[in-house]
Amino acid sequence: MNLQTLLEMPGPIIADGGMGTLLMSMGLAHGEPPELWNVNYPDRIRSVHRGYIEAGAQIILTNSFGGSRGRLERGGLGERCAKLNAAAARLARQEADAASHGVVVAGSIGPIGEFFAPMGMLTFDDAVDMFRVQAEALVEGGVDVLWIETMSDLEEVRAAAAACRQAAPGIPLVVTMTFDTHGRTMMGVTPEQAAAAISELGAAALGANCGNGPQEIEQVIRKLHAALPGAILVAKSNAGLPRMEGGRAVYDATPEVMADYARRVHADGARIVGACCGSTPAHIAAIAGALKEVA
């Protein structure tokens, strides 16, 4: 199934939940690049995708959030960028193709993790080049959409979008930002500014992910909906606020809490609803169940 076909279907659309949360429960070490598991432990990655699909997800994101060449280079993995991203896409594609319902595979593209000039050393052209390698590999591996996520800087969004257009002009884009600083992104972007800028990029959908829990994302979705009433909006909240236990982040929002969030955020204007850090297939199953009631 492609994204356009899914969007033409009536009712809310269910996206998946957190990847890193589950990988850490399987033994991913602190600081270990999750993308390495695409080649070292492919069965574990496929099991995560399968769990979300069985929970009702209609969109699954590849295990490639930190897979830009710039980010991988910091761990000495820059030369393996194409291989790791293509593997991520193939694993998700295999599970989507085996599903009993239609599933869209989204190629996850997260931030490089460096500041743009003049605050830092990263230039727009360098960022485009880094993202393009990743996007090309994700498309080669079989993604249906390129999903730019957890962004805080509109310049980085533009660079990632430009790279995706260069790599695959015909593949749709989805863009989500993280508004975790008093209703703005870390770089000061408001939902209204994000709506204006992302709509100019021709994204098929836009929205918010990660952040400080459901309440925050509900407020952002309301503002995005007011700014762009006709846009397809995405909400992927963390499972509550994290607290540290034994050096790891623990999230307290239960599946029931996330089901309530799903009802509210859908009423606020979100068409695509899933979850982010701290969530599991149980949370997505609860979200899917809750949104069936309002479909």
C-alpha atoms as a PDB file:
ATOM      1  CA  MET A   1       0.000   0.000   0.000  1.00  0.00           C
ATOM      2  CA  ASN A   2       1.234   3.504  -0.760  1.00  0.00           C
ATOM      3  CA  LEU A   3       0.627   6.582   1.356  1.00  0.00           C
ATOM      4  CA  GLN A   4      -1.870   8.185  -1.007  1.00  0.00           C
ATOM      5  CA  THR A   5      -4.062   5.084  -1.005  1.00  0.00           C
ATOM      6  CA  LEU A   6      -3.975   5.005   2.801  1.00  0.00           C
ATOM      7  CA  LEU A   7      -4.866   8.691   3.035  1.00  0.00           C
ATOM      8  CA  GLU A   8      -7.840   8.177   0.726  1.00  0.00           C
ATOM      9  CA  MET A   9      -9.324   5.637   3.126  1.00  0.00           C
ATOM     10  CA  PRO A  10     -11.852   7.054   5.621  1.00  0.00           C
ATOM     11  CA  GLY A  11     -11.145   7.497   9.311  1.00  0.00           C
ATOM     12  CA  PRO A  12      -8.054   7.918  11.482  1.00  0.00           C
ATOM     13  CA  ILE A  13      -4.763   6.225  10.597  1.00  0.00           C
ATOM     14  CA  ILE A  14      -2.645   4.368  13.150  1.00  0.00           C
ATOM     15  CA  ALA A  15       1.124   4.871  13.201  1.00  0.00           C
ATOM     16  CA  ASP A  16       3.575   2.790  15.211  1.00  0.00           C
ATOM     17  CA  GLY A  17       5.329   3.534  18.506  1.00  0.00           C
ATOM     18  CA  GLY A  18       8.846   3.738  19.875  1.00  0.00           C
ATOM     19  CA  MET A  19      11.709   1.735  18.399  1.00  0.00           C
ATOM     20  CA  GLY A  20      14.519   2.526  20.839  1.00  0.00           C
ATOM     21  CA  THR A  21      12.397   1.651  23.864  1.00  0.00           C
ATOM     22  CA  LEU A  22      11.953  -1.901  22.657  1.00  0.00           C
ATOM     23  CA  LEU A  23      15.520  -2.313  21.454  1.00  0.00           C
ATOM     24  CA  MET A  24      16.822  -1.295  24.885  1.00  0.00           C
ATOM     25  CA  SER A  25      14.586  -3.929  26.438  1.00  0.00           C
ATOM     26  CA  MET A  26      16.251  -6.427  24.073  1.00  0.00           C
ATOM     27  CA  GLY A  27      19.754  -5.430  25.133  1.00  0.00           C
ATOM     28  CA  LEU A  28      20.727  -2.364  23.123  1.00  0.00           C
ATOM     29  CA  ALA A  29      23.554  -0.773  25.090  1.00  0.00           C
ATOM     30  CA  HIS A  30      23.623   2.898  26.043  1.00  0.00           C
ATOM     31  CA  GLY A  31      25.377   4.760  23.217  1.00  0.00           C
ATOM     32  CA  GLU A  32      25.217   1.825  20.798  1.00  0.00           C
ATOM     33  CA  PRO A  33      23.868   2.946  17.388  1.00  0.00           C
ATOM     34  CA  PRO A  34      20.491   1.204  16.909  1.00  0.00           C
ATOM     35  CA  GLU A  35      21.086   1.179  13.150  1.00  0.00           C
ATOM     36  CA  LEU A  36      23.810  -1.450  13.610  1.00  0.00           C
ATOM     37  CA  TRP A  37      21.110  -3.894  14.676  1.00  0.00           C
ATOM     38  CA  ASN A  38      19.705  -3.771  11.134  1.00  0.00           C
ATOM     39  CA  VAL A  39      22.619  -5.969  10.096  1.00  0.00           C
ATOM     40  CA  ASN A  40      23.675  -7.554  13.392  1.00  0.00           C
ATOM     41  CA  TYR A  41      20.228  -8.542  14.721  1.00  0.00           C
ATOM     42  CA  PRO A  42      17.749  -8.259  11.856  1.00  0.00           C
ATOM     43  CA  ASP A  43      15.287 -10.693  13.449  1.00  0.00           C
ATOM     44  CA  ARG A  44      14.956  -8.418  16.477  1.00  0.00           C
ATOM     45  CA  ILE A  45      14.183  -5.405  14.288  1.00  0.00           C
ATOM     46  CA  ARG A  46      11.623  -7.383  12.327  1.00  0.00           C
ATOM     47  CA  SER A  47       9.994  -8.516  15.570  1.00  0.00           C
ATOM     48  CA  VAL A  48       9.497  -4.875  16.605  1.00  0.00           C
ATOM     49  CA  HIS A  49       7.834  -4.048  13.291  1.00  0.00           C
ATOM     50  CA  ARG A  50       5.715  -7.189  13.508  1.00  0.00           C
ATOM     51  CA  GLY A  51       4.574  -6.320  17.017  1.00  0.00           C
ATOM     52  CA  TYR A  52       3.364  -2.901  15.937  1.00  0.00           C
ATOM     53  CA  ILE A  53       1.632  -4.250  12.845  1.00  0.00           C
ATOM     54  CA  GLU A  54      -0.159  -6.871  14.915  1.00  0.00           C
ATOM     55  CA  ALA A  55      -1.203  -4.084  17.298  1.00  0.00           C
ATOM     56  CA  GLY A  56      -2.904  -2.312  14.390  1.00  0.00           C
ATOM     57  CA  ALA A  57      -0.269   0.046  12.972  1.00  0.00           C
ATOM     58  CA  GLN A  58      -0.881   1.064   9.370  1.00  0.00           C
ATOM     59  CA  ILE A  59       2.382   3.030   9.163  1.00  0.00           C
ATOM     60  CA  ILE A  60       5.698   1.703  10.466  1.00  0.00           C
ATOM     61  CA  LEU A  61       8.928   3.698  10.659  1.00  0.00           C
ATOM     62  CA  THR A  62      12.269   2.172   9.755  1.00  0.00           C
ATOM     63  CA  ASN A  63      15.058   1.752  12.318  1.00  0.00           C
ATOM     64  CA  SER A  64      17.060   4.580  10.779  1.00  0.00           C
ATOM     65  CA  PHE A  65      16.363   7.618  12.967  1.00  0.00           C
ATOM     66  CA  GLY A  66      20.078   8.275  13.547  1.00  0.00           C
ATOM     67  CA  GLY A  67      21.098   7.008  10.113  1.00  0.00           C
ATOM     68  CA  SER A  68      22.222  10.227   8.447  1.00  0.00           C
ATOM     69  CA  ARG A  69      25.810  10.044   7.308  1.00  0.00           C
ATOM     70  CA  GLY A  70      26.756  12.964   9.546  1.00  0.00           C
ATOM     71  CA  ARG A  71      25.396  11.300  12.653  1.00  0.00           C
ATOM     72  CA  LEU A  72      26.871   7.891  11.829  1.00  0.00           C
ATOM     73  CA  GLU A  73      30.282   9.447  11.172  1.00  0.00           C
ATOM     74  CA  ARG A  74      30.556  10.398  14.835  1.00  0.00           C
ATOM     75  CA  GLY A  75      30.504   6.700  15.669  1.00  0.00           C
ATOM     76  CA  GLY A  76      32.905   5.742  12.879  1.00  0.00           C
ATOM     77  CA  LEU A  77      30.063   4.327  10.756  1.00  0.00           C
ATOM     78  CA  GLY A  78      29.814   6.963   8.030  1.00  0.00           C
ATOM     79  CA  GLU A  79      30.983   4.607   5.295  1.00  0.00           C
ATOM     80  CA  ARG A  80      28.237   2.140   6.236  1.00  0.00           C
ATOM     81  CA  CYS A  81      25.446   4.701   5.928  1.00  0.00           C
ATOM     82  CA  ALA A  82      23.922   3.329   2.726  1.00  0.00           C
ATOM     83  CA  LYS A  83      24.114  -0.288   3.867  1.00  0.00           C
ATOM     84  CA  LEU A  84      22.553   0.339   7.278  1.00  0.00           C
ATOM     85  CA  ASN A  85      19.698   2.423   5.896  1.00  0.00           C
ATOM     86  CA  ALA A  86      18.911   0.063   3.035  1.00  0.00           C
ATOM     87  CA  ALA A  87      18.844  -2.807   5.522  1.00  0.00           C
ATOM     88  CA  ALA A  88      16.457  -0.837   7.767  1.00  0.00           C
ATOM     89  CA  ALA A  89      14.078  -0.315   4.864  1.00  0.00           C
ATOM     90  CA  ARG A  90      14.215  -3.938   3.716  1.00  0.00           C
ATOM     91  CA  LEU A  91      13.387  -5.274   7.191  1.00  0.00           C
ATOM     92  CA  ALA A  92      10.344  -3.023   7.518  1.00  0.00           C
ATOM     93  CA  ARG A  93       9.310  -3.815   3.944  1.00  0.00           C
ATOM     94  CA  GLN A  94       9.417  -7.547   4.619  1.00  0.00           C
ATOM     95  CA  GLU A  95       7.099  -7.239   7.605  1.00  0.00           C
ATOM     96  CA  ALA A  96       4.750  -4.830   5.829  1.00  0.00           C
ATOM     97  CA  ASP A  97       4.453  -7.154   2.844  1.00  0.00           C
ATOM     98  CA  ALA A  98       3.668 -10.081   5.136  1.00  0.00           C
ATOM     99  CA  ALA A  99       0.955  -8.193   7.043  1.00  0.00           C
ATOM    100  CA  SER A 100      -2.706  -9.136   6.917  1.00  0.00           C
ATOM    101  CA  HIS A 101      -3.675  -5.489   6.400  1.00  0.00           C
ATOM    102  CA  GLY A 102      -2.158  -2.734   4.283  1.00  0.00           C
ATOM    103  CA  VAL A 103       0.939  -1.181   5.838  1.00  0.00           C
ATOM    104  CA  VAL A 104       2.934   1.828   4.640  1.00  0.00           C
ATOM    105  CA  VAL A 105       6.702   1.809   5.238  1.00  0.00           C
ATOM    106  CA  ALA A 106       8.101   5.197   6.237  1.00  0.00           C
ATOM    107  CA  GLY A 107      11.816   5.889   6.056  1.00  0.00           C
ATOM    108  CA  SER A 108      12.741   7.600   9.330  1.00  0.00           C
ATOM    109  CA  ILE A 109      15.148  10.537   8.978  1.00  0.00           C
ATOM    110  CA  GLY A 110      16.109  12.217  12.254  1.00  0.00           C
ATOM    111  CA  PRO A 111      18.333  15.229  12.932  1.00  0.00           C
ATOM    112  CA  ILE A 112      22.072  15.151  12.313  1.00  0.00           C
ATOM    113  CA  GLY A 113      22.694  16.446  15.818  1.00  0.00           C
ATOM    114  CA  GLU A 114      24.830  19.470  14.945  1.00  0.00           C
ATOM    115  CA  PHE A 115      24.085  23.188  14.906  1.00  0.00           C
ATOM    116  CA  PHE A 116      23.931  25.034  11.608  1.00  0.00           C
ATOM    117  CA  ALA A 117      26.214  27.985  10.952  1.00  0.00           C
ATOM    118  CA  PRO A 118      26.663  30.544  12.440  1.00  0.00           C
ATOM    119  CA  MET A 119      25.851  28.772  15.745  1.00  0.00           C
ATOM    120  CA  GLY A 120      27.796  25.706  14.611  1.00  0.00           C
ATOM    121  CA  MET A 121      29.863  24.405  11.713  1.00  0.00           C
ATOM    122  CA  LEU A 122      27.160  22.609   9.703  1.00  0.00           C
ATOM    123  CA  THR A 123      26.292  24.212   6.357  1.00  0.00           C
ATOM    124  CA  PHE A 124      23.071  23.760   4.434  1.00  0.00           C
ATOM    125  CA  ASP A 125      24.829  22.106   1.485  1.00  0.00           C
ATOM    126  CA  ASP A 126      26.708  19.686   3.730  1.00  0.00           C
ATOM    127  CA  ALA A 127      23.468  18.721   5.452  1.00  0.00           C
ATOM    128  CA  VAL A 128      21.745  18.105   2.126  1.00  0.00           C
ATOM    129  CA  ASP A 129      24.614  15.870   1.059  1.00  0.00           C
ATOM    130  CA  MET A 130      24.451  13.879   4.315  1.00  0.00           C
ATOM    131  CA  PHE A 131      20.697  13.423   4.174  1.00  0.00           C
ATOM    132  CA  ARG A 132      20.727  12.523   0.464  1.00  0.00           C
ATOM    133  CA  VAL A 133      22.873   9.438   1.029  1.00  0.00           C
ATOM    134  CA  GLN A 134      20.415   8.272   3.681  1.00  0.00           C
ATOM    135  CA  ALA A 135      17.321   9.013   1.598  1.00  0.00           C
ATOM    136  CA  GLU A 136      18.704   7.230  -1.459  1.00  0.00           C
ATOM    137  CA  ALA A 137      19.398   4.114   0.589  1.00  0.00           C
ATOM    138  CA  LEU A 138      15.957   4.123   2.215  1.00  0.00           C
ATOM    139  CA  VAL A 139      14.300   4.376  -1.183  1.00  0.00           C
ATOM    140  CA  GLU A 140      16.530   1.602  -2.526  1.00  0.00           C
ATOM    141  CA  GLY A 141      15.399  -0.570   0.376  1.00  0.00           C
ATOM    142  CA  GLY A 142      11.743  -0.075  -0.489  1.00  0.00           C
ATOM    143  CA  VAL A 143      10.144   2.684   1.640  1.00  0.00           C
ATOM    144  CA  ASP A 144       6.838   4.213   0.534  1.00  0.00           C
ATOM    145  CA  VAL A 145       7.406   7.619   2.145  1.00  0.00           C
ATOM    146  CA  LEU A 146      10.324   9.587   3.564  1.00  0.00           C
ATOM    147  CA  TRP A 147       9.496  10.636   7.140  1.00  0.00           C
ATOM    148  CA  ILE A 148      11.538  13.567   8.489  1.00  0.00           C
ATOM    149  CA  GLU A 149      11.031  13.555  12.262  1.00  0.00           C
ATOM    150  CA  THR A 150      11.946  15.041  15.639  1.00  0.00           C
ATOM    151  CA  MET A 151      13.276  18.232  14.075  1.00  0.00           C
ATOM    152  CA  SER A 152      13.763  21.504  15.948  1.00  0.00           C
ATOM    153  CA  ASP A 153      15.400  23.670  13.251  1.00  0.00           C
ATOM    154  CA  LEU A 154      13.493  24.698  10.111  1.00  0.00           C
ATOM    155  CA  GLU A 155      16.798  25.022   8.247  1.00  0.00           C
ATOM    156  CA  GLU A 156      17.442  21.333   8.922  1.00  0.00           C
ATOM    157  CA  VAL A 157      13.922  20.478   7.805  1.00  0.00           C
ATOM    158  CA  ARG A 158      14.551  22.320   4.539  1.00  0.00           C
ATOM    159  CA  ALA A 159      17.885  20.561   4.048  1.00  0.00           C
ATOM    160  CA  ALA A 160      16.373  17.128   4.679  1.00  0.00           C
ATOM    161  CA  ALA A 161      13.449  17.871   2.357  1.00  0.00           C
ATOM    162  CA  ALA A 162      15.799  19.095  -0.386  1.00  0.00           C
ATOM    163  CA  ALA A 163      17.857  15.917  -0.034  1.00  0.00           C
ATOM    164  CA  CYS A 164      14.756  13.745  -0.265  1.00  0.00           C
ATOM    165  CA  ARG A 165      13.572  15.564  -3.381  1.00  0.00           C
ATOM    166  CA  GLN A 166      16.973  15.073  -4.984  1.00  0.00           C
ATOM    167  CA  ALA A 167      17.072  11.399  -4.044  1.00  0.00           C
ATOM    168  CA  ALA A 168      13.515  10.522  -5.029  1.00  0.00           C
ATOM    169  CA  PRO A 169      11.300  13.293  -6.425  1.00  0.00           C
ATOM    170  CA  GLY A 170       8.277  10.995  -6.606  1.00  0.00           C
ATOM    171  CA  ILE A 171       8.340   9.774  -3.000  1.00  0.00           C
ATOM    172  CA  PRO A 172       6.005  11.678  -0.629  1.00  0.00           C
ATOM    173  CA  LEU A 173       7.335  13.496   2.434  1.00  0.00           C
ATOM    174  CA  VAL A 174       6.037  13.693   5.982  1.00  0.00           C
ATOM    175  CA  VAL A 175       7.589  16.137   8.466  1.00  0.00           C
ATOM    176  CA  THR A 176       7.199  16.250  12.248  1.00  0.00           C
ATOM    177  CA  MET A 177       8.912  18.599  14.675  1.00  0.00           C
ATOM    178  CA  THR A 178       9.363  18.477  18.453  1.00  0.00           C
ATOM    179  CA  PHE A 179       7.821  21.368  20.399  1.00  0.00           C
ATOM    180  CA  ASP A 180       9.330  20.607  23.780  1.00  0.00           C
ATOM    181  CA  THR A 181      10.355  24.093  24.964  1.00  0.00           C
ATOM    182  CA  HIS A 182       7.321  26.010  26.243  1.00  0.00           C
ATOM    183  CA  GLY A 183       5.306  25.269  23.105  1.00  0.00           C
ATOM    184  CA  ARG A 184       8.218  25.921  20.750  1.00  0.00           C
ATOM    185  CA  THR A 185      10.991  23.762  19.382  1.00  0.00           C
ATOM    186  CA  MET A 186      14.423  23.950  20.981  1.00  0.00           C
ATOM    187  CA  MET A 187      15.345  26.444  18.243  1.00  0.00           C
ATOM    188  CA  GLY A 188      12.328  28.638  18.991  1.00  0.00           C
ATOM    189  CA  VAL A 189      10.014  27.560  16.155  1.00  0.00           C
ATOM    190  CA  THR A 190       6.295  27.941  16.907  1.00  0.00           C
ATOM    191  CA  PRO A 191       3.640  25.567  15.522  1.00  0.00           C
ATOM    192  CA  GLU A 192       2.373  28.393  13.327  1.00  0.00           C
ATOM    193  CA  GLN A 193       5.842  28.998  11.866  1.00  0.00           C
ATOM    194  CA  ALA A 194       6.289  25.274  11.301  1.00  0.00           C
ATOM    195  CA  ALA A 195       2.929  25.035   9.551  1.00  0.00           C
ATOM    196  CA  ALA A 196       3.799  27.835   7.144  1.00  0.00           C
ATOM    197  CA  ALA A 197       7.290  26.563   6.344  1.00  0.00           C
ATOM    198  CA  ILE A 198       6.445  22.868   6.004  1.00  0.00           C
ATOM    199  CA  SER A 199       3.386  23.514   3.849  1.00  0.00           C
ATOM    200  CA  GLU A 200       5.659  25.330   1.391  1.00  0.00           C
ATOM    201  CA  LEU A 201       7.717  22.134   1.061  1.00  0.00           C
ATOM    202  CA  GLY A 202       4.734  20.214  -0.270  1.00  0.00           C
ATOM    203  CA  ALA A 203       4.702  17.633   2.519  1.00  0.00           C
ATOM    204  CA  ALA A 204       1.856  15.123   2.375  1.00  0.00           C
ATOM    205  CA  ALA A 205       1.424  15.432   6.152  1.00  0.00           C
ATOM    206  CA  LEU A 206       3.005  17.309   9.038  1.00  0.00           C
ATOM    207  CA  GLY A 207       2.809  17.350  12.792  1.00  0.00           C
ATOM    208  CA  ALA A 208       4.577  16.737  16.071  1.00  0.00           C
ATOM    209  CA  ASN A 209       6.355  13.849  17.751  1.00  0.00           C
ATOM    210  CA  CYS A 210       8.332  13.080  20.913  1.00  0.00           C
ATOM    211  CA  GLY A 211       8.306  15.995  23.383  1.00  0.00           C
ATOM    212  CA  ASN A 212       6.941  16.178  26.899  1.00  0.00           C
ATOM    213  CA  GLY A 213       3.932  13.934  26.683  1.00  0.00           C
ATOM    214  CA  PRO A 214       0.371  13.949  25.344  1.00  0.00           C
ATOM    215  CA  GLN A 215      -0.823  17.299  26.732  1.00  0.00           C
ATOM    216  CA  GLU A 216       1.925  19.181  24.939  1.00  0.00           C
ATOM    217  CA  ILE A 217       1.255  17.545  21.574  1.00  0.00           C
ATOM    218  CA  GLU A 218      -2.493  18.085  21.918  1.00  0.00           C
ATOM    219  CA  GLN A 219      -1.860  21.829  22.235  1.00  0.00           C
ATOM    220  CA  VAL A 220       0.461  21.790  19.222  1.00  0.00           C
ATOM    221  CA  ILE A 221      -2.032  19.901  17.078  1.00  0.00           C
ATOM    222  CA  ARG A 222      -4.750  22.416  17.933  1.00  0.00           C
ATOM    223  CA  LYS A 223      -2.471  25.252  16.778  1.00  0.00           C
ATOM    224  CA  LEU A 224      -1.427  23.427  13.593  1.00  0.00           C
ATOM    225  CA  HIS A 225      -5.057  22.675  12.794  1.00  0.00           C
ATOM    226  CA  ALA A 226      -6.012  26.323  13.289  1.00  0.00           C
ATOM    227  CA  ALA A 227      -3.161  27.415  11.000  1.00  0.00           C
ATOM    228  CA  LEU A 228      -3.804  24.778   8.315  1.00  0.00           C
ATOM    229  CA  PRO A 229      -7.379  23.473   8.652  1.00  0.00           C
ATOM    230  CA  GLY A 230      -7.119  21.235   5.594  1.00  0.00           C
ATOM    231  CA  ALA A 231      -3.740  19.650   6.365  1.00  0.00           C
ATOM    232  CA  ILE A 232      -3.231  16.024   7.313  1.00  0.00           C
ATOM    233  CA  LEU A 233      -1.740  16.196  10.786  1.00  0.00           C
ATOM    234  CA  VAL A 234       0.446  13.662  12.612  1.00  0.00           C
ATOM    235  CA  ALA A 235       0.619  13.180  16.386  1.00  0.00           C
ATOM    236  CA  LYS A 236       3.192  10.804  17.895  1.00  0.00           C
ATOM    237  CA  SER A 237       3.512  11.604  21.584  1.00  0.00           C
ATOM    238  CA  ASN A 238       5.924  10.101  24.058  1.00  0.00           C
ATOM    239  CA  ALA A 239       4.260   7.833  26.615  1.00  0.00           C
ATOM    240  CA  GLY A 240       4.257  10.550  29.257  1.00  0.00           C
ATOM    241  CA  LEU A 241       7.160  12.344  30.888  1.00  0.00           C
ATOM    242  CA  PRO A 242      10.347  10.334  31.468  1.00  0.00           C
ATOM    243  CA  ARG A 243      12.069   9.776  34.785  1.00  0.00           C
ATOM    244  CA  MET A 244      15.480   8.211  35.220  1.00  0.00           C
ATOM    245  CA  GLU A 245      15.845   4.787  36.840  1.00  0.00           C
ATOM    246  CA  GLY A 246      19.170   2.981  36.783  1.00  0.00           C
ATOM    247  CA  GLY A 247      20.476   5.275  34.085  1.00  0.00           C
ATOM    248  CA  ARG A 248      17.526   4.652  31.752  1.00  0.00           C
ATOM    249  CA  ALA A 249      14.475   6.744  30.973  1.00  0.00           C
ATOM    250  CA  VAL A 250      11.217   5.237  32.222  1.00  0.00           C
ATOM    251  CA  TYR A 251       7.854   6.455  30.918  1.00  0.00           C
ATOM    252  CA  ASP A 252       4.724   6.163  33.037  1.00  0.00           C
ATOM    253  CA  ALA A 253       1.815   6.626  30.633  1.00  0.00           C
ATOM    254  CA  THR A 254      -0.221   3.408  30.493  1.00  0.00           C
ATOM    255  CA  PRO A 255      -1.960   2.115  27.366  1.00  0.00           C
ATOM    256  CA  GLU A 256      -5.218   3.471  28.808  1.00  0.00           C
ATOM    257  CA  VAL A 257      -3.698   6.945  29.165  1.00  0.00           C
ATOM    258  CA  MET A 258      -2.496   6.819  25.565  1.00  0.00           C
ATOM    259  CA  ALA A 259      -5.937   5.673  24.396  1.00  0.00           C
ATOM    260  CA  ASP A 260      -7.433   8.786  25.984  1.00  0.00           C
ATOM    261  CA  TYR A 261      -4.738  10.912  24.318  1.00  0.00           C
ATOM    262  CA  ALA A 262      -5.588   9.354  20.958  1.00  0.00           C
ATOM    263  CA  ARG A 263      -9.267  10.292  21.273  1.00  0.00           C
ATOM    264  CA  ARG A 264      -8.434  13.856  22.256  1.00  0.00           C
ATOM    265  CA  VAL A 265      -5.724  14.501  19.702  1.00  0.00           C
ATOM    266  CA  HIS A 266      -7.877  13.070  16.929  1.00  0.00           C
ATOM    267  CA  ALA A 267     -10.695  15.412  17.995  1.00  0.00           C
ATOM    268  CA  ASP A 268      -8.142  18.246  17.898  1.00  0.00           C
ATOM    269  CA  GLY A 269      -7.427  17.537  14.234  1.00  0.00           C
ATOM    270  CA  ALA A 270      -4.808  14.765  13.991  1.00  0.00           C
ATOM    271  CA  ARG A 271      -5.537  12.201  11.270  1.00  0.00           C
ATOM    272  CA  ILE A 272      -2.420  10.052  11.826  1.00  0.00           C
ATOM    273  CA  VAL A 273      -1.945   9.038  15.448  1.00  0.00           C
ATOM    274  CA  GLY A 274       0.793   6.933  17.004  1.00  0.00           C
ATOM    275  CA  ALA A 275       3.332   7.215  19.792  1.00  0.00           C
ATOM    276  CA  CYS A 276       7.041   7.770  20.354  1.00  0.00           C
ATOM    277  CA  CYS A 277       9.530   7.187  23.188  1.00  0.00           C
ATOM    278  CA  GLY A 278       8.396   4.876  25.967  1.00  0.00           C
ATOM    279  CA  SER A 279       5.608   3.307  23.944  1.00  0.00           C
ATOM    280  CA  THR A 280       5.156  -0.358  23.046  1.00  0.00           C
ATOM    281  CA  PRO A 281       2.749  -2.425  20.941  1.00  0.00           C
ATOM    282  CA  ALA A 282       0.384  -2.452  23.937  1.00  0.00           C
ATOM    283  CA  HIS A 283       0.128   1.344  23.708  1.00  0.00           C
ATOM    284  CA  ILE A 284      -0.498   1.200  19.954  1.00  0.00           C
ATOM    285  CA  ALA A 285      -3.143  -1.500  20.392  1.00  0.00           C
ATOM    286  CA  ALA A 286      -4.914   0.762  22.887  1.00  0.00           C
ATOM    287  CA  ILE A 287      -4.677   3.724  20.496  1.00  0.00           C
ATOM    288  CA  ALA A 288      -6.033   1.598  17.630  1.00  0.00           C
ATOM    289  CA  GLY A 289      -8.891   0.371  19.764  1.00  0.00           C
ATOM    290  CA  ALA A 290      -9.792   3.864  20.921  1.00  0.00           C
ATOM    291  CA  LEU A 291      -9.815   5.292  17.400  1.00  0.00           C
ATOM    292  CA  LYS A 292     -11.955   2.464  16.049  1.00  0.00           C
ATOM    293  CA  GLU A 293     -14.662   3.816  18.317  1.00  0.00           C
ATOM    294  CA  VAL A 294     -14.557   7.221  16.633  1.00  0.00           C
ATOM    295  CA  ALA A 295     -14.028   6.074  13.036  1.00  0.00           C
END
